[in-house]
Amino acid sequence: MKRIFSCAAILPILIGVFFCSAPAVYAEQPKVCASSAVLLEAQSGRVLFSKNGRERRSMASTTKIMTALIAVQSERLDDVVEITQKMIEVEGSSIYLKAGEKLTLRALVTGLLLESGNDAANAIAIALAGSQEAFADKMNEYAQNLGMKDTHFVTPSGLDDEEHYTTAYDMALLGRAAMQCPDFSAIASQKTMTVDFEEPAIRRTFYNHNRLLLELPGCNGVKTGFTKKSGRCLVSSCERGGILLIAVTLNDPDDWNDHKKMMAYGFEQVERVTFSEAGMQISVPVVGAGTERRTVLKESSPVEAVIPKERAADIQMHLETEPFLYAPVISGQVAGRLVYTLDNEPIAELALVTDEKIDFAERERSWFEKLCDFFRNLFGITQ
């Protein structure tokens, strides 16, 4: 059984706090034109603002976030895809692929995210799953794994369909997962990218439709979308001072300005804190290492969390360690943790490790065991 201690954290002493924006000014919630909107803090998943966030709506080409995420996590980005006639038989936005052309899956994802090519979406779906229908199954499975409970995908591009829908909250979960994927964020954050086709040997430059990359400081993604049914849809991400926010609007005629307002509001609500207990040392007994041998636990490295502003004093610290360790003990072995909670919810965990190597100590043999050894040696008896 682990030893568990709970302490009211004396945070001004124990925690180094780094403020990532101006002193707390709790602005009114933004007034947005969107039918549905959500603002999410990416590290914790905390919702900072919501308007009809769980209302099901169509999402147009923001669908392509899921298509791209599945592609970049397929570990096949360097595979060469030969474009077929079936791949390019799709209406709407296009990167003007032609049957017989060959390019990498990475190049297709680039055209998908920057130029919003429906033909690129089809090509990815067929290349990875054999058909749009089979790829939609992958999309829906992935959505369920992310907790997108009110989402159903039919197409890889986002063309309108009665059974193709999501919510602003679910799209925030998707945007969060996507921007935490390095291969995805490396593409989504680019204003322009040039790709090489394998056949014919040509170069194409794609331009990102996301205006916020130019107009919103810290913006690093994610994806635009529009159909007559869906209206203007936008998923954006913005990082400042180590804090990443995800904003979503569905059916929003003023999405650029609304996202700027939502991001400004969000960064006023949160701050980043660093937890460090460098001076804390916990002594734990070591069994099998000799009489009353103990080891000291110390922090492995500081950890960070994003919390609502001016709530640092409300954080609680809980110490969890094993009652004892068995020898041998390796230096740097994890043997405990400090768990930090806010409103009874964990927000960070600091590992505690052993500070020295302790070997197993041979037990002193009793007089009877020594006597038995003497007679075994005397008469040549082996065990």
Protein backbone atom coordinates (compact mmCIF):
# COMPACT_ATOMS: atom_id res chain seq x y z
CA MET A 1 0.00 0.00 0.00
CA LYS A 2 1.33 3.41 -0.91
CA ARG A 3 1.77 6.17 1.61
CA ILE A 4 -0.40 9.11 0.60
CA PHE A 5 -0.09 12.53 2.18
CA SER A 6 -2.15 15.60 1.30
CA CYS A 7 -0.87 19.08 1.94
CA ALA A 8 -2.35 22.51 1.38
CA ALA A 9 0.31 23.75 -1.01
CA ILE A 10 2.22 26.79 0.12
CA LEU A 11 2.62 27.72 -3.50
CA PRO A 12 4.34 31.08 -3.25
CA ILE A 13 7.30 29.13 -1.84
CA LEU A 14 6.99 25.73 -3.54
CA ILE A 15 5.93 26.70 -7.03
CA GLY A 16 7.60 29.01 -9.49
CA VAL A 17 4.87 30.85 -11.40
CA PHE A 18 5.50 32.27 -14.87
CA PHE A 19 2.89 34.74 -16.14
CA CYS A 20 2.35 34.43 -19.87
CA SER A 21 0.18 37.45 -20.48
CA ALA A 22 -0.77 40.74 -18.90
CA PRO A 23 -2.01 40.89 -15.29
CA ALA A 24 -5.41 39.32 -14.90
CA VAL A 25 -8.16 41.36 -16.54
CA TYR A 26 -11.30 39.25 -16.53
CA ALA A 27 -12.94 40.52 -19.69
CA GLU A 28 -16.52 39.74 -20.53
CA GLN A 29 -17.06 36.64 -22.62
CA PRO A 30 -16.74 37.42 -26.32
CA LYS A 31 -19.85 38.02 -28.37
CA VAL A 32 -19.53 35.94 -31.52
CA CYS A 33 -21.69 35.62 -34.62
CA ALA A 34 -21.22 31.85 -34.88
CA SER A 35 -24.10 29.43 -34.48
CA SER A 36 -21.71 27.29 -32.39
CA ALA A 37 -18.36 28.11 -30.84
CA VAL A 38 -15.87 26.66 -28.34
CA LEU A 39 -12.54 27.84 -26.94
CA LEU A 40 -10.35 25.12 -25.40
CA GLU A 41 -7.08 25.21 -23.46
CA ALA A 42 -5.09 22.41 -25.09
CA GLN A 43 -2.97 21.05 -22.24
CA SER A 44 -5.78 20.44 -19.77
CA GLY A 45 -8.70 20.24 -22.20
CA ARG A 46 -10.49 22.90 -20.11
CA VAL A 47 -13.28 24.73 -21.95
CA LEU A 48 -12.81 28.49 -21.54
CA PHE A 49 -15.80 29.60 -23.61
CA SER A 50 -18.75 27.87 -25.26
CA LYS A 51 -21.78 28.89 -27.29
CA ASN A 52 -24.00 25.98 -28.29
CA GLY A 53 -20.84 23.90 -28.10
CA ARG A 54 -22.64 20.54 -28.10
CA GLU A 55 -25.07 21.36 -30.91
CA ARG A 56 -24.66 19.09 -33.93
CA ARG A 57 -23.85 20.88 -37.17
CA SER A 58 -22.07 20.23 -40.46
CA MET A 59 -18.43 21.28 -40.59
CA ALA A 60 -17.40 21.54 -44.26
CA SER A 61 -13.66 21.27 -44.96
CA THR A 62 -12.60 21.37 -41.31
CA THR A 63 -13.31 17.65 -41.80
CA LYS A 64 -9.90 17.51 -43.47
CA ILE A 65 -8.23 17.89 -40.08
CA MET A 66 -9.23 14.30 -39.36
CA THR A 67 -8.20 13.14 -42.84
CA ALA A 68 -4.77 14.72 -42.43
CA LEU A 69 -4.31 13.45 -38.87
CA ILE A 70 -4.96 9.85 -39.90
CA ALA A 71 -2.54 10.29 -42.80
CA VAL A 72 0.34 11.71 -40.75
CA GLN A 73 -0.08 9.00 -38.11
CA SER A 74 -0.10 6.21 -40.69
CA GLU A 75 3.73 6.22 -40.79
CA ARG A 76 3.44 6.27 -44.58
CA LEU A 77 4.09 9.95 -45.31
CA ASP A 78 6.98 9.12 -47.62
CA ASP A 79 4.98 6.57 -49.63
CA VAL A 80 4.47 7.54 -53.26
CA VAL A 81 0.82 7.62 -54.37
CA GLU A 82 -0.17 7.21 -58.01
CA ILE A 83 -3.25 9.30 -58.77
CA THR A 84 -6.15 7.41 -60.34
CA GLN A 85 -9.22 8.69 -62.14
CA LYS A 86 -11.40 7.66 -59.19
CA MET A 87 -9.37 9.82 -56.82
CA ILE A 88 -10.04 13.02 -58.76
CA GLU A 89 -13.74 12.48 -59.45
CA VAL A 90 -14.93 14.95 -56.85
CA GLU A 91 -16.51 18.39 -56.91
CA GLY A 92 -15.44 21.51 -55.08
CA SER A 93 -12.00 22.83 -54.16
CA SER A 94 -9.06 21.14 -55.83
CA ILE A 95 -5.28 21.08 -56.19
CA TYR A 96 -5.86 19.95 -59.80
CA LEU A 97 -4.38 16.48 -59.61
CA LYS A 98 -4.31 14.45 -62.82
CA ALA A 99 -4.56 10.70 -63.29
CA GLY A 100 -1.13 9.15 -63.63
CA GLU A 101 0.68 11.75 -61.53
CA LYS A 102 2.78 10.49 -58.65
CA LEU A 103 3.53 12.32 -55.40
CA THR A 104 4.15 11.45 -51.78
CA LEU A 105 1.45 11.16 -49.17
CA ARG A 106 3.15 14.09 -47.39
CA ALA A 107 2.66 16.26 -50.48
CA LEU A 108 -1.02 15.27 -50.60
CA VAL A 109 -1.45 16.24 -46.95
CA THR A 110 0.18 19.59 -47.71
CA GLY A 111 -2.27 20.27 -50.53
CA LEU A 112 -5.09 19.08 -48.31
CA LEU A 113 -4.37 21.40 -45.38
CA LEU A 114 -3.17 24.50 -47.22
CA GLU A 115 -5.27 24.54 -50.40
CA SER A 116 -8.13 22.39 -49.05
CA GLY A 117 -8.06 20.09 -52.08
CA ASN A 118 -11.01 17.70 -52.20
CA ASP A 119 -9.09 15.64 -54.74
CA ALA A 120 -6.21 15.37 -52.25
CA ALA A 121 -8.68 14.17 -49.60
CA ASN A 122 -10.03 11.48 -51.93
CA ALA A 123 -6.52 10.42 -52.92
CA ILE A 124 -5.48 10.04 -49.28
CA ALA A 125 -8.62 8.05 -48.42
CA ILE A 126 -8.27 5.62 -51.30
CA ALA A 127 -4.50 5.26 -50.87
CA LEU A 128 -4.81 4.41 -47.18
CA ALA A 129 -8.08 2.47 -47.06
CA GLY A 130 -9.01 1.46 -50.60
CA SER A 131 -12.23 3.49 -50.68
CA GLN A 132 -13.88 6.55 -49.19
CA GLU A 133 -16.30 4.34 -47.28
CA ALA A 134 -13.54 2.29 -45.66
CA PHE A 135 -11.65 5.47 -44.80
CA ALA A 136 -14.78 6.96 -43.21
CA ASP A 137 -14.83 3.93 -40.90
CA LYS A 138 -11.28 4.81 -39.84
CA MET A 139 -12.33 8.42 -39.27
CA ASN A 140 -15.26 7.41 -37.06
CA GLU A 141 -13.15 4.97 -35.07
CA TYR A 142 -10.53 7.64 -34.48
CA ALA A 143 -13.24 10.12 -33.47
CA GLN A 144 -14.59 7.74 -30.85
CA ASN A 145 -11.09 7.23 -29.44
CA LEU A 146 -10.74 11.01 -29.06
CA GLY A 147 -14.06 11.26 -27.20
CA MET A 148 -15.90 12.92 -30.12
CA LYS A 149 -19.26 11.52 -29.05
CA ASP A 150 -21.43 13.72 -31.30
CA THR A 151 -19.52 13.32 -34.56
CA HIS A 152 -20.05 11.15 -37.62
CA PHE A 153 -17.95 11.26 -40.79
CA VAL A 154 -19.08 10.20 -44.26
CA THR A 155 -16.55 11.87 -46.58
CA PRO A 156 -12.83 12.65 -46.22
CA SER A 157 -13.32 16.14 -47.70
CA GLY A 158 -16.35 17.50 -45.85
CA LEU A 159 -18.82 17.69 -48.72
CA ASP A 160 -22.38 17.99 -47.40
CA ASP A 161 -24.21 14.85 -46.29
CA GLU A 162 -27.05 14.46 -43.79
CA GLU A 163 -24.99 11.93 -41.83
CA HIS A 164 -21.83 14.05 -41.83
CA TYR A 165 -21.88 16.19 -38.69
CA THR A 166 -20.02 17.23 -35.55
CA THR A 167 -20.10 19.82 -32.73
CA ALA A 168 -17.85 22.75 -31.94
CA TYR A 169 -16.67 20.92 -28.82
CA ASP A 170 -15.81 17.76 -30.75
CA MET A 171 -13.90 19.76 -33.33
CA ALA A 172 -11.94 21.41 -30.52
CA LEU A 173 -10.95 17.94 -29.31
CA LEU A 174 -9.85 17.08 -32.84
CA GLY A 175 -7.91 20.33 -33.26
CA ARG A 176 -6.20 19.72 -29.93
CA ALA A 177 -5.10 16.20 -30.93
CA ALA A 178 -3.95 17.37 -34.36
CA MET A 179 -1.83 20.26 -33.10
CA GLN A 180 -0.16 17.99 -30.55
CA CYS A 181 1.04 15.84 -33.49
CA PRO A 182 4.38 17.27 -34.73
CA ASP A 183 4.00 16.14 -38.37
CA PHE A 184 0.54 17.69 -38.57
CA SER A 185 1.39 20.99 -36.89
CA ALA A 186 4.54 21.37 -39.01
CA ILE A 187 2.33 21.53 -42.12
CA ALA A 188 -0.74 23.34 -40.74
CA SER A 189 1.41 26.20 -39.43
CA GLN A 190 2.94 27.06 -42.82
CA LYS A 191 1.73 30.03 -44.87
CA THR A 192 3.12 28.49 -48.06
CA MET A 193 4.84 25.21 -48.91
CA THR A 194 6.50 23.95 -52.08
CA VAL A 195 6.28 20.24 -52.87
CA ASP A 196 7.96 18.07 -55.48
CA PHE A 197 6.00 15.64 -57.62
CA GLU A 198 7.68 12.33 -58.35
CA GLU A 199 6.10 12.11 -61.80
CA PRO A 200 6.12 14.35 -63.71
CA ALA A 201 9.15 16.02 -62.09
CA ILE A 202 7.50 19.33 -61.27
CA ARG A 203 7.28 21.62 -58.25
CA ARG A 204 4.06 23.11 -56.92
CA THR A 205 3.60 25.82 -54.30
CA PHE A 206 0.52 25.68 -52.09
CA TYR A 207 -0.87 28.71 -50.22
CA ASN A 208 -2.65 28.44 -46.90
CA HIS A 209 -6.22 29.81 -46.83
CA ASN A 210 -5.99 30.52 -43.09
CA ARG A 211 -5.71 34.33 -42.85
CA LEU A 212 -5.11 34.18 -39.11
CA LEU A 213 -1.58 32.93 -39.73
CA LEU A 214 -0.88 36.47 -40.96
CA GLU A 215 -3.22 38.46 -38.73
CA LEU A 216 -3.17 36.80 -35.29
CA PRO A 217 0.11 36.78 -33.32
CA GLY A 218 0.96 33.23 -32.26
CA CYS A 219 -1.47 31.57 -34.66
CA ASN A 220 -0.10 28.22 -35.87
CA GLY A 221 -3.11 26.45 -37.45
CA VAL A 222 -5.51 24.89 -38.20
CA LYS A 223 -8.13 24.71 -41.02
CA THR A 224 -10.85 26.64 -42.79
CA GLY A 225 -14.08 25.34 -44.32
CA PHE A 226 -17.14 26.47 -46.24
CA THR A 227 -20.22 25.10 -47.97
CA LYS A 228 -23.60 26.76 -48.48
CA LYS A 229 -25.14 24.36 -45.97
CA SER A 230 -22.40 24.62 -43.34
CA GLY A 231 -21.60 28.29 -43.69
CA ARG A 232 -18.12 29.50 -42.79
CA CYS A 233 -16.35 27.07 -40.42
CA LEU A 234 -12.98 27.58 -38.81
CA VAL A 235 -10.71 25.74 -36.39
CA SER A 236 -7.74 27.81 -35.24
CA SER A 237 -4.89 27.37 -32.79
CA CYS A 238 -2.73 30.00 -31.13
CA GLU A 239 0.28 29.60 -28.84
CA ARG A 240 1.72 32.27 -26.58
CA GLY A 241 4.13 31.79 -23.72
CA GLY A 242 3.78 28.02 -23.76
CA ILE A 243 -0.04 28.14 -23.68
CA LEU A 244 -1.91 26.63 -26.64
CA LEU A 245 -5.56 27.54 -27.25
CA ILE A 246 -7.91 25.92 -29.76
CA ALA A 247 -10.89 27.90 -31.09
CA VAL A 248 -13.78 26.56 -33.19
CA THR A 249 -16.66 28.34 -34.89
CA LEU A 250 -19.34 26.68 -37.03
CA ASN A 251 -21.56 28.72 -39.35
CA ASP A 252 -19.91 32.05 -38.59
CA PRO A 253 -20.07 34.93 -41.11
CA ASP A 254 -17.44 36.86 -39.14
CA ASP A 255 -15.10 34.03 -38.20
CA TRP A 256 -11.75 35.86 -38.55
CA ASN A 257 -12.74 38.58 -36.09
CA ASP A 258 -14.55 36.18 -33.78
CA HIS A 259 -11.46 34.00 -33.44
CA LYS A 260 -9.33 37.02 -32.63
CA LYS A 261 -11.79 38.00 -29.89
CA MET A 262 -11.96 34.47 -28.52
CA MET A 263 -8.19 34.12 -28.39
CA ALA A 264 -7.75 37.51 -26.70
CA TYR A 265 -10.32 36.51 -24.11
CA GLY A 266 -8.74 33.10 -23.56
CA PHE A 267 -5.23 34.35 -22.91
CA GLU A 268 -6.61 36.71 -20.26
CA GLN A 269 -8.11 33.77 -18.38
CA VAL A 270 -5.13 31.44 -17.92
CA GLU A 271 -1.50 31.35 -16.84
CA ARG A 272 1.31 28.80 -16.89
CA VAL A 273 2.80 27.56 -13.63
CA THR A 274 5.95 25.51 -13.05
CA PHE A 275 6.07 23.01 -10.19
CA SER A 276 9.48 22.46 -8.63
CA GLU A 277 10.26 20.85 -5.26
CA ALA A 278 14.03 20.82 -5.56
CA GLY A 279 14.49 21.15 -1.80
CA MET A 280 12.13 18.32 -0.87
CA GLN A 281 13.70 15.00 0.15
CA ILE A 282 11.66 11.96 1.23
CA SER A 283 13.34 9.11 3.11
CA VAL A 284 12.14 5.58 2.28
CA PRO A 285 13.35 2.29 3.90
CA VAL A 286 15.12 -0.26 1.69
CA VAL A 287 14.51 -3.92 2.53
CA GLY A 288 17.42 -6.30 1.99
CA ALA A 289 20.11 -3.62 2.01
CA GLY A 290 21.34 -4.01 5.55
CA THR A 291 20.18 -2.75 8.92
CA GLU A 292 17.86 0.27 8.67
CA ARG A 293 19.21 1.27 5.25
CA ARG A 294 17.17 4.05 3.63
CA THR A 295 17.18 5.97 0.36
CA VAL A 296 16.26 9.56 -0.37
CA LEU A 297 13.72 10.48 -3.04
CA LYS A 298 14.09 13.75 -4.93
CA GLU A 299 12.38 15.35 -7.91
CA SER A 300 13.32 14.16 -11.38
CA SER A 301 12.61 17.44 -13.21
CA PRO A 302 10.12 20.32 -12.89
CA VAL A 303 6.72 20.04 -14.59
CA GLU A 304 4.32 22.65 -15.93
CA ALA A 305 0.58 23.17 -16.09
CA VAL A 306 -1.86 25.80 -17.33
CA ILE A 307 -4.42 26.98 -14.78
CA PRO A 308 -7.06 29.72 -14.45
CA LYS A 309 -5.46 32.99 -13.41
CA GLU A 310 -5.13 33.78 -9.71
CA ARG A 311 -5.91 30.17 -8.70
CA ALA A 312 -2.35 29.13 -7.79
CA ALA A 313 -3.08 29.43 -4.06
CA ASP A 314 -5.92 26.90 -4.41
CA ILE A 315 -3.68 24.11 -5.72
CA GLN A 316 -3.26 21.11 -3.42
CA MET A 317 -0.20 18.85 -3.33
CA HIS A 318 -0.48 15.10 -2.63
CA LEU A 319 2.57 12.95 -1.90
CA GLU A 320 2.45 9.27 -2.87
CA THR A 321 5.31 6.85 -2.10
CA GLU A 322 5.76 3.15 -1.49
CA PRO A 323 6.14 2.28 2.25
CA PHE A 324 9.49 0.63 1.39
CA LEU A 325 11.65 -0.48 -1.53
CA TYR A 326 13.37 -3.80 -2.15
CA ALA A 327 17.11 -3.93 -2.81
CA PRO A 328 18.78 -3.60 -5.20
CA VAL A 329 17.78 0.03 -5.86
CA ILE A 330 18.95 1.79 -9.00
CA SER A 331 19.86 5.48 -8.92
CA GLY A 332 17.12 7.45 -10.66
CA GLN A 333 14.50 4.78 -10.06
CA VAL A 334 10.96 6.23 -9.88
CA ALA A 335 9.64 5.45 -6.41
CA GLY A 336 7.00 8.08 -5.74
CA ARG A 337 5.21 11.11 -7.10
CA LEU A 338 3.77 14.46 -6.16
CA VAL A 339 0.31 15.01 -7.62
CA TYR A 340 -1.00 18.58 -7.89
CA THR A 341 -4.76 19.08 -8.02
CA LEU A 342 -7.11 22.00 -8.53
CA ASP A 343 -10.75 21.57 -7.53
CA ASN A 344 -9.93 17.88 -6.92
CA GLU A 345 -8.80 17.45 -10.54
CA PRO A 346 -5.16 16.46 -11.26
CA ILE A 347 -3.30 19.14 -13.19
CA ALA A 348 0.33 17.96 -12.94
CA GLU A 349 2.44 15.11 -11.65
CA LEU A 350 6.06 15.35 -10.49
CA ALA A 351 8.05 12.10 -10.40
CA LEU A 352 10.24 11.35 -7.37
CA VAL A 353 13.36 9.25 -7.97
CA THR A 354 16.03 7.59 -5.82
CA ASP A 355 19.26 9.54 -5.48
CA GLU A 356 21.69 6.61 -5.08
CA LYS A 357 22.38 3.00 -6.00
CA ILE A 358 21.88 0.53 -3.14
CA ASP A 359 22.92 -3.11 -3.60
CA PHE A 360 21.47 -6.17 -1.92
CA ALA A 361 23.29 -7.00 1.33
CA GLU A 362 24.11 -10.66 2.06
CA ARG A 363 22.45 -11.84 5.26
CA GLU A 364 24.75 -12.78 8.15
CA ARG A 365 24.64 -16.60 8.48
CA SER A 366 23.53 -18.05 11.84
CA TRP A 367 25.85 -20.18 14.05
CA PHE A 368 23.84 -23.30 13.17
CA GLU A 369 24.25 -22.66 9.41
CA LYS A 370 27.98 -22.13 9.93
CA LEU A 371 28.23 -25.41 11.90
CA CYS A 372 26.45 -27.28 9.10
CA ASP A 373 28.85 -25.81 6.56
CA PHE A 374 31.81 -26.98 8.70
CA PHE A 375 30.68 -30.61 8.74
CA ARG A 376 29.79 -30.55 5.02
CA ASN A 377 33.28 -29.39 4.20
CA LEU A 378 34.83 -31.90 6.65
CA PHE A 379 33.09 -34.93 5.12
CA GLY A 380 32.95 -33.62 1.55
CA ILE A 381 29.16 -33.48 1.44
CA THR A 382 27.68 -31.42 -1.41
CA GLN A 383 24.17 -30.03 -1.52
